[in-house]
Amino acid sequence: MSKEIFRKVLAKIRLGDCEDPELYFGAAWYDFSRTEKGKWIVDNCDDLVYTQSIDQTYMGYAYNVSGKISEEKWTYFLLKWGNNEN
């Protein structure tokens, strides 16, 4: 029996309007990766990537961090942290 691997959005980070959003995202990601949830994501997920979009609600930027995760670990993630809606 093989384990299925999925790509899921694991974290959402919003930034206000700023001069260099990539730089500010790096600082926000660094801080997030030091939390319990952030450490778990870094340790248990592969191929982490982020996508940037304009966030009209906050008049800034929204970043979604996604990664490859097994079905078993995804279930654990949902039970521990919920559906990841901020």
PDB file of N, CA and C in Angstrom:
ATOM      1  N   MET A   1       0.836  -1.170   0.000  1.00  0.00           N
ATOM      2  CA  MET A   1       0.000   0.000   0.000  1.00  0.00           C
ATOM      3  C   MET A   1       0.893   1.250   0.000  1.00  0.00           C
ATOM      4  N   SER A   2       0.684   2.118  -0.966  1.00  0.00           N
ATOM      5  CA  SER A   2       1.509   3.318  -1.059  1.00  0.00           C
ATOM      6  C   SER A   2       0.811   4.501  -0.384  1.00  0.00           C
ATOM      7  N   LYS A   3       1.622   5.379   0.163  1.00  0.00           N
ATOM      8  CA  LYS A   3       1.077   6.582   0.784  1.00  0.00           C
ATOM      9  C   LYS A   3       0.878   7.642  -0.281  1.00  0.00           C
ATOM     10  N   GLU A   4      -0.275   8.281  -0.243  1.00  0.00           N
ATOM     11  CA  GLU A   4      -0.523   9.368  -1.180  1.00  0.00           C
ATOM     12  C   GLU A   4       0.091  10.654  -0.639  1.00  0.00           C
ATOM     13  N   ILE A   5       0.654  11.433  -1.539  1.00  0.00           N
ATOM     14  CA  ILE A   5       1.259  12.705  -1.185  1.00  0.00           C
ATOM     15  C   ILE A   5       0.441  13.811  -1.859  1.00  0.00           C
ATOM     16  N   PHE A   6       0.110  14.824  -1.095  1.00  0.00           N
ATOM     17  CA  PHE A   6      -0.687  15.932  -1.593  1.00  0.00           C
ATOM     18  C   PHE A   6       0.087  17.231  -1.453  1.00  0.00           C
ATOM     19  N   ARG A   7      -0.235  18.212  -2.278  1.00  0.00           N
ATOM     20  CA  ARG A   7       0.289  19.571  -2.087  1.00  0.00           C
ATOM     21  C   ARG A   7      -0.848  20.373  -1.463  1.00  0.00           C
ATOM     22  N   LYS A   8      -0.593  20.892  -0.278  1.00  0.00           N
ATOM     23  CA  LYS A   8      -1.610  21.638   0.470  1.00  0.00           C
ATOM     24  C   LYS A   8      -1.065  22.987   0.918  1.00  0.00           C
ATOM     25  N   VAL A   9      -1.956  23.960   1.068  1.00  0.00           N
ATOM     26  CA  VAL A   9      -1.582  25.244   1.657  1.00  0.00           C
ATOM     27  C   VAL A   9      -1.475  25.036   3.159  1.00  0.00           C
ATOM     28  N   LEU A  10      -0.308  25.325   3.706  1.00  0.00           N
ATOM     29  CA  LEU A  10      -0.025  25.054   5.107  1.00  0.00           C
ATOM     30  C   LEU A  10       0.017  26.306   5.964  1.00  0.00           C
ATOM     31  N   ALA A  11       0.267  27.449   5.366  1.00  0.00           N
ATOM     32  CA  ALA A  11       0.321  28.703   6.111  1.00  0.00           C
ATOM     33  C   ALA A  11      -0.076  29.849   5.205  1.00  0.00           C
ATOM     34  N   LYS A  12      -0.709  30.848   5.801  1.00  0.00           N
ATOM     35  CA  LYS A  12      -1.075  32.065   5.083  1.00  0.00           C
ATOM     36  C   LYS A  12      -0.517  33.239   5.869  1.00  0.00           C
ATOM     37  N   ILE A  13       0.222  34.081   5.175  1.00  0.00           N
ATOM     38  CA  ILE A  13       0.824  35.246   5.816  1.00  0.00           C
ATOM     39  C   ILE A  13       0.390  36.481   5.034  1.00  0.00           C
ATOM     40  N   ARG A  14      -0.167  37.450   5.749  1.00  0.00           N
ATOM     41  CA  ARG A  14      -0.601  38.694   5.113  1.00  0.00           C
ATOM     42  C   ARG A  14       0.325  39.829   5.533  1.00  0.00           C
ATOM     43  N   LEU A  15       0.619  40.688   4.577  1.00  0.00           N
ATOM     44  CA  LEU A  15       1.456  41.860   4.833  1.00  0.00           C
ATOM     45  C   LEU A  15       0.718  43.100   4.356  1.00  0.00           C
ATOM     46  N   GLY A  16       0.930  44.187   5.043  1.00  0.00           N
ATOM     47  CA  GLY A  16       0.387  45.458   4.582  1.00  0.00           C
ATOM     48  C   GLY A  16       1.180  45.961   3.384  1.00  0.00           C
ATOM     49  N   ASP A  17       0.786  47.104   2.886  1.00  0.00           N
ATOM     50  CA  ASP A  17       1.497  47.703   1.764  1.00  0.00           C
ATOM     51  C   ASP A  17       2.913  48.070   2.216  1.00  0.00           C
ATOM     52  N   CYS A  18       3.900  47.622   1.477  1.00  0.00           N
ATOM     53  CA  CYS A  18       5.289  47.890   1.844  1.00  0.00           C
ATOM     54  C   CYS A  18       6.142  48.031   0.590  1.00  0.00           C
ATOM     55  N   GLU A  19       7.303  48.590   0.757  1.00  0.00           N
ATOM     56  CA  GLU A  19       8.222  48.856  -0.343  1.00  0.00           C
ATOM     57  C   GLU A  19       8.739  47.571  -0.980  1.00  0.00           C
ATOM     58  N   ASP A  20       9.160  46.617  -0.163  1.00  0.00           N
ATOM     59  CA  ASP A  20       9.748  45.369  -0.657  1.00  0.00           C
ATOM     60  C   ASP A  20       9.075  44.177   0.027  1.00  0.00           C
ATOM     61  N   PRO A  21       7.946  43.697  -0.518  1.00  0.00           N
ATOM     62  CA  PRO A  21       7.203  42.630   0.157  1.00  0.00           C
ATOM     63  C   PRO A  21       7.992  41.324   0.305  1.00  0.00           C
ATOM     64  N   GLU A  22       8.888  41.027  -0.614  1.00  0.00           N
ATOM     65  CA  GLU A  22       9.679  39.797  -0.500  1.00  0.00           C
ATOM     66  C   GLU A  22      10.557  39.834   0.752  1.00  0.00           C
ATOM     67  N   LEU A  23      11.143  40.974   1.013  1.00  0.00           N
ATOM     68  CA  LEU A  23      11.982  41.139   2.198  1.00  0.00           C
ATOM     69  C   LEU A  23      11.148  41.008   3.476  1.00  0.00           C
ATOM     70  N   TYR A  24      10.000  41.651   3.512  1.00  0.00           N
ATOM     71  CA  TYR A  24       9.136  41.577   4.687  1.00  0.00           C
ATOM     72  C   TYR A  24       8.558  40.176   4.864  1.00  0.00           C
ATOM     73  N   PHE A  25       8.266  39.497   3.755  1.00  0.00           N
ATOM     74  CA  PHE A  25       7.789  38.110   3.862  1.00  0.00           C
ATOM     75  C   PHE A  25       8.866  37.227   4.487  1.00  0.00           C
ATOM     76  N   GLY A  26      10.111  37.429   4.094  1.00  0.00           N
ATOM     77  CA  GLY A  26      11.206  36.631   4.669  1.00  0.00           C
ATOM     78  C   GLY A  26      11.270  36.760   6.178  1.00  0.00           C
ATOM     79  N   ALA A  27      11.111  37.979   6.675  1.00  0.00           N
ATOM     80  CA  ALA A  27      11.123  38.200   8.124  1.00  0.00           C
ATOM     81  C   ALA A  27       9.906  37.565   8.788  1.00  0.00           C
ATOM     82  N   ALA A  28       8.732  37.707   8.154  1.00  0.00           N
ATOM     83  CA  ALA A  28       7.512  37.110   8.717  1.00  0.00           C
ATOM     84  C   ALA A  28       7.610  35.583   8.716  1.00  0.00           C
ATOM     85  N   TRP A  29       8.150  35.003   7.633  1.00  0.00           N
ATOM     86  CA  TRP A  29       8.314  33.544   7.572  1.00  0.00           C
ATOM     87  C   TRP A  29       9.307  33.063   8.631  1.00  0.00           C
ATOM     88  N   TYR A  30      10.381  33.780   8.814  1.00  0.00           N
ATOM     89  CA  TYR A  30      11.368  33.413   9.831  1.00  0.00           C
ATOM     90  C   TYR A  30      10.707  33.370  11.216  1.00  0.00           C
ATOM     91  N   ASP A  31       9.951  34.407  11.542  1.00  0.00           N
ATOM     92  CA  ASP A  31       9.256  34.437  12.834  1.00  0.00           C
ATOM     93  C   ASP A  31       8.257  33.290  12.948  1.00  0.00           C
ATOM     94  N   PHE A  32       7.481  33.059  11.870  1.00  0.00           N
ATOM     95  CA  PHE A  32       6.490  31.984  11.884  1.00  0.00           C
ATOM     96  C   PHE A  32       7.161  30.622  12.047  1.00  0.00           C
ATOM     97  N   SER A  33       8.285  30.423  11.384  1.00  0.00           N
ATOM     98  CA  SER A  33       8.956  29.114  11.430  1.00  0.00           C
ATOM     99  C   SER A  33       9.537  28.800  12.805  1.00  0.00           C
ATOM    100  N   ARG A  34       9.527  29.755  13.714  1.00  0.00           N
ATOM    101  CA  ARG A  34       9.993  29.531  15.089  1.00  0.00           C
ATOM    102  C   ARG A  34       8.842  29.145  16.023  1.00  0.00           C
ATOM    103  N   THR A  35       7.592  29.198  15.532  1.00  0.00           N
ATOM    104  CA  THR A  35       6.438  28.799  16.344  1.00  0.00           C
ATOM    105  C   THR A  35       6.274  27.287  16.292  1.00  0.00           C
ATOM    106  N   GLU A  36       5.421  26.745  17.148  1.00  0.00           N
ATOM    107  CA  GLU A  36       5.177  25.300  17.156  1.00  0.00           C
ATOM    108  C   GLU A  36       4.659  24.817  15.795  1.00  0.00           C
ATOM    109  N   LYS A  37       3.690  25.534  15.250  1.00  0.00           N
ATOM    110  CA  LYS A  37       3.126  25.167  13.948  1.00  0.00           C
ATOM    111  C   LYS A  37       4.174  25.282  12.852  1.00  0.00           C
ATOM    112  N   GLY A  38       4.938  26.350  12.855  1.00  0.00           N
ATOM    113  CA  GLY A  38       5.972  26.559  11.842  1.00  0.00           C
ATOM    114  C   GLY A  38       7.050  25.490  11.879  1.00  0.00           C
ATOM    115  N   LYS A  39       7.491  25.139  13.088  1.00  0.00           N
ATOM    116  CA  LYS A  39       8.499  24.085  13.227  1.00  0.00           C
ATOM    117  C   LYS A  39       7.962  22.756  12.702  1.00  0.00           C
ATOM    118  N   TRP A  40       6.698  22.460  13.001  1.00  0.00           N
ATOM    119  CA  TRP A  40       6.103  21.205  12.538  1.00  0.00           C
ATOM    120  C   TRP A  40       6.059  21.177  11.008  1.00  0.00           C
ATOM    121  N   ILE A  41       5.670  22.284  10.395  1.00  0.00           N
ATOM    122  CA  ILE A  41       5.606  22.352   8.929  1.00  0.00           C
ATOM    123  C   ILE A  41       6.989  22.124   8.326  1.00  0.00           C
ATOM    124  N   VAL A  42       7.981  22.809   8.830  1.00  0.00           N
ATOM    125  CA  VAL A  42       9.343  22.669   8.297  1.00  0.00           C
ATOM    126  C   VAL A  42       9.853  21.234   8.460  1.00  0.00           C
ATOM    127  N   ASP A  43       9.552  20.601   9.587  1.00  0.00           N
ATOM    128  CA  ASP A  43      10.044  19.245   9.863  1.00  0.00           C
ATOM    129  C   ASP A  43       9.284  18.150   9.126  1.00  0.00           C
ATOM    130  N   ASN A  44       8.011  18.377   8.795  1.00  0.00           N
ATOM    131  CA  ASN A  44       7.169  17.297   8.285  1.00  0.00           C
ATOM    132  C   ASN A  44       6.707  17.438   6.843  1.00  0.00           C
ATOM    133  N   CYS A  45       7.025  18.542   6.196  1.00  0.00           N
ATOM    134  CA  CYS A  45       6.572  18.766   4.820  1.00  0.00           C
ATOM    135  C   CYS A  45       7.763  18.957   3.894  1.00  0.00           C
ATOM    136  N   ASP A  46       7.590  18.516   2.676  1.00  0.00           N
ATOM    137  CA  ASP A  46       8.648  18.622   1.679  1.00  0.00           C
ATOM    138  C   ASP A  46       8.285  19.663   0.624  1.00  0.00           C
ATOM    139  N   ASP A  47       9.304  20.149  -0.057  1.00  0.00           N
ATOM    140  CA  ASP A  47       9.133  21.030  -1.212  1.00  0.00           C
ATOM    141  C   ASP A  47       8.254  22.242  -0.874  1.00  0.00           C
ATOM    142  N   LEU A  48       8.623  22.977   0.166  1.00  0.00           N
ATOM    143  CA  LEU A  48       7.852  24.162   0.544  1.00  0.00           C
ATOM    144  C   LEU A  48       8.072  25.269  -0.484  1.00  0.00           C
ATOM    145  N   VAL A  49       6.985  25.842  -0.955  1.00  0.00           N
ATOM    146  CA  VAL A  49       7.028  26.961  -1.891  1.00  0.00           C
ATOM    147  C   VAL A  49       5.997  28.001  -1.450  1.00  0.00           C
ATOM    148  N   TYR A  50       6.181  29.228  -1.885  1.00  0.00           N
ATOM    149  CA  TYR A  50       5.190  30.253  -1.566  1.00  0.00           C
ATOM    150  C   TYR A  50       4.724  30.939  -2.832  1.00  0.00           C
ATOM    151  N   THR A  51       3.503  31.437  -2.778  1.00  0.00           N
ATOM    152  CA  THR A  51       2.949  32.230  -3.870  1.00  0.00           C
ATOM    153  C   THR A  51       2.488  33.565  -3.291  1.00  0.00           C
ATOM    154  N   GLN A  52       2.662  34.599  -4.063  1.00  0.00           N
ATOM    155  CA  GLN A  52       2.281  35.936  -3.640  1.00  0.00           C
ATOM    156  C   GLN A  52       1.090  36.403  -4.452  1.00  0.00           C
ATOM    157  N   SER A  53       0.176  37.103  -3.796  1.00  0.00           N
ATOM    158  CA  SER A  53      -0.932  37.730  -4.499  1.00  0.00           C
ATOM    159  C   SER A  53      -1.256  39.056  -3.818  1.00  0.00           C
ATOM    160  N   ILE A  54      -2.016  39.866  -4.495  1.00  0.00           N
ATOM    161  CA  ILE A  54      -2.460  41.137  -3.931  1.00  0.00           C
ATOM    162  C   ILE A  54      -3.650  40.838  -3.021  1.00  0.00           C
ATOM    163  N   ASP A  55      -3.620  41.397  -1.818  1.00  0.00           N
ATOM    164  CA  ASP A  55      -4.709  41.210  -0.855  1.00  0.00           C
ATOM    165  C   ASP A  55      -5.497  42.515  -0.785  1.00  0.00           C
ATOM    166  N   GLN A  56      -6.630  42.557  -1.482  1.00  0.00           N
ATOM    167  CA  GLN A  56      -7.445  43.766  -1.535  1.00  0.00           C
ATOM    168  C   GLN A  56      -8.038  44.130  -0.175  1.00  0.00           C
ATOM    169  N   THR A  57      -8.325  43.126   0.640  1.00  0.00           N
ATOM    170  CA  THR A  57      -8.927  43.360   1.952  1.00  0.00           C
ATOM    171  C   THR A  57      -8.000  44.158   2.851  1.00  0.00           C
ATOM    172  N   TYR A  58      -6.727  43.782   2.858  1.00  0.00           N
ATOM    173  CA  TYR A  58      -5.749  44.438   3.723  1.00  0.00           C
ATOM    174  C   TYR A  58      -4.911  45.489   2.984  1.00  0.00           C
ATOM    175  N   MET A  59      -5.230  45.699   1.710  1.00  0.00           N
ATOM    176  CA  MET A  59      -4.488  46.648   0.873  1.00  0.00           C
ATOM    177  C   MET A  59      -2.989  46.374   0.951  1.00  0.00           C
ATOM    178  N   GLY A  60      -2.644  45.120   0.748  1.00  0.00           N
ATOM    179  CA  GLY A  60      -1.251  44.708   0.820  1.00  0.00           C
ATOM    180  C   GLY A  60      -1.032  43.434   0.029  1.00  0.00           C
ATOM    181  N   TYR A  61      -0.340  42.494   0.646  1.00  0.00           N
ATOM    182  CA  TYR A  61       0.042  41.257  -0.030  1.00  0.00           C
ATOM    183  C   TYR A  61      -0.366  40.049   0.803  1.00  0.00           C
ATOM    184  N   ALA A  62      -0.675  38.967   0.114  1.00  0.00           N
ATOM    185  CA  ALA A  62      -0.992  37.698   0.765  1.00  0.00           C
ATOM    186  C   ALA A  62      -0.031  36.644   0.231  1.00  0.00           C
ATOM    187  N   TYR A  63       0.526  35.875   1.137  1.00  0.00           N
ATOM    188  CA  TYR A  63       1.430  34.787   0.768  1.00  0.00           C
ATOM    189  C   TYR A  63       0.840  33.474   1.249  1.00  0.00           C
ATOM    190  N   ASN A  64       0.768  32.499   0.366  1.00  0.00           N
ATOM    191  CA  ASN A  64       0.372  31.143   0.731  1.00  0.00           C
ATOM    192  C   ASN A  64       1.604  30.258   0.647  1.00  0.00           C
ATOM    193  N   VAL A  65       1.903  29.566   1.732  1.00  0.00           N
ATOM    194  CA  VAL A  65       3.022  28.626   1.755  1.00  0.00           C
ATOM    195  C   VAL A  65       2.433  27.230   1.625  1.00  0.00           C
ATOM    196  N   SER A  66       2.855  26.509   0.596  1.00  0.00           N
ATOM    197  CA  SER A  66       2.342  25.153   0.389  1.00  0.00           C
ATOM    198  C   SER A  66       3.500  24.167   0.373  1.00  0.00           C
ATOM    199  N   GLY A  67       3.156  22.919   0.617  1.00  0.00           N
ATOM    200  CA  GLY A  67       4.169  21.881   0.633  1.00  0.00           C
ATOM    201  C   GLY A  67       3.552  20.528   0.375  1.00  0.00           C
ATOM    202  N   LYS A  68       4.402  19.569   0.114  1.00  0.00           N
ATOM    203  CA  LYS A  68       3.946  18.195  -0.088  1.00  0.00           C
ATOM    204  C   LYS A  68       3.845  17.523   1.273  1.00  0.00           C
ATOM    205  N   ILE A  69       2.713  16.855   1.477  1.00  0.00           N
ATOM    206  CA  ILE A  69       2.436  16.254   2.772  1.00  0.00           C
ATOM    207  C   ILE A  69       1.628  14.970   2.567  1.00  0.00           C
ATOM    208  N   SER A  70       1.891  13.962   3.397  1.00  0.00           N
ATOM    209  CA  SER A  70       1.157  12.704   3.292  1.00  0.00           C
ATOM    210  C   SER A  70      -0.243  12.870   3.878  1.00  0.00           C
ATOM    211  N   GLU A  71      -1.122  11.979   3.497  1.00  0.00           N
ATOM    212  CA  GLU A  71      -2.496  12.025   3.985  1.00  0.00           C
ATOM    213  C   GLU A  71      -2.546  11.896   5.508  1.00  0.00           C
ATOM    214  N   GLU A  72      -1.710  11.051   6.063  1.00  0.00           N
ATOM    215  CA  GLU A  72      -1.654  10.847   7.514  1.00  0.00           C
ATOM    216  C   GLU A  72      -1.221  12.134   8.237  1.00  0.00           C
ATOM    217  N   LYS A  73      -0.187  12.774   7.729  1.00  0.00           N
ATOM    218  CA  LYS A  73       0.291  14.014   8.350  1.00  0.00           C
ATOM    219  C   LYS A  73      -0.697  15.155   8.145  1.00  0.00           C
ATOM    220  N   TRP A  74      -1.383  15.176   6.999  1.00  0.00           N
ATOM    221  CA  TRP A  74      -2.391  16.200   6.747  1.00  0.00           C
ATOM    222  C   TRP A  74      -3.543  16.067   7.747  1.00  0.00           C
ATOM    223  N   THR A  75      -3.945  14.845   8.034  1.00  0.00           N
ATOM    224  CA  THR A  75      -4.997  14.614   9.028  1.00  0.00           C
ATOM    225  C   THR A  75      -4.555  15.127  10.394  1.00  0.00           C
ATOM    226  N   TYR A  76      -3.326  14.831  10.781  1.00  0.00           N
ATOM    227  CA  TYR A  76      -2.783  15.325  12.051  1.00  0.00           C
ATOM    228  C   TYR A  76      -2.797  16.859  12.069  1.00  0.00           C
ATOM    229  N   PHE A  77      -2.352  17.468  10.978  1.00  0.00           N
ATOM    230  CA  PHE A  77      -2.317  18.926  10.871  1.00  0.00           C
ATOM    231  C   PHE A  77      -3.712  19.519  11.079  1.00  0.00           C
ATOM    232  N   LEU A  78      -4.714  18.954  10.407  1.00  0.00           N
ATOM    233  CA  LEU A  78      -6.085  19.460  10.529  1.00  0.00           C
ATOM    234  C   LEU A  78      -6.627  19.299  11.945  1.00  0.00           C
ATOM    235  N   LEU A  79      -6.332  18.178  12.568  1.00  0.00           N
ATOM    236  CA  LEU A  79      -6.807  17.951  13.939  1.00  0.00           C
ATOM    237  C   LEU A  79      -6.145  18.911  14.920  1.00  0.00           C
ATOM    238  N   LYS A  80      -4.875  19.199  14.709  1.00  0.00           N
ATOM    239  CA  LYS A  80      -4.143  20.052  15.649  1.00  0.00           C
ATOM    240  C   LYS A  80      -4.402  21.535  15.422  1.00  0.00           C
ATOM    241  N   TRP A  81      -4.430  21.981  14.146  1.00  0.00           N
ATOM    242  CA  TRP A  81      -4.501  23.413  13.856  1.00  0.00           C
ATOM    243  C   TRP A  81      -5.743  23.839  13.062  1.00  0.00           C
ATOM    244  N   GLY A  82      -6.604  22.942  12.715  1.00  0.00           N
ATOM    245  CA  GLY A  82      -7.823  23.331  11.997  1.00  0.00           C
ATOM    246  C   GLY A  82      -7.602  23.487  10.510  1.00  0.00           C
ATOM    247  N   ASN A  83      -8.536  24.174   9.881  1.00  0.00           N
ATOM    248  CA  ASN A  83      -8.538  24.242   8.411  1.00  0.00           C
ATOM    249  C   ASN A  83      -7.641  25.314   7.823  1.00  0.00           C
ATOM    250  N   ASN A  84      -6.829  25.965   8.656  1.00  0.00           N
ATOM    251  CA  ASN A  84      -5.833  26.916   8.185  1.00  0.00           C
ATOM    252  C   ASN A  84      -6.406  28.224   7.673  1.00  0.00           C
ATOM    253  N   GLU A  85      -7.637  28.557   8.043  1.00  0.00           N
ATOM    254  CA  GLU A  85      -8.197  29.841   7.668  1.00  0.00           C
ATOM    255  C   GLU A  85      -7.824  30.874   8.715  1.00  0.00           C
ATOM    256  N   ASN A  86      -7.282  31.979   8.290  1.00  0.00           N
ATOM    257  CA  ASN A  86      -6.886  33.040   9.235  1.00  0.00           C
ATOM    258  C   ASN A  86      -8.058  33.947   9.530  1.00  0.00           C
TER     259      ASN A  86
END
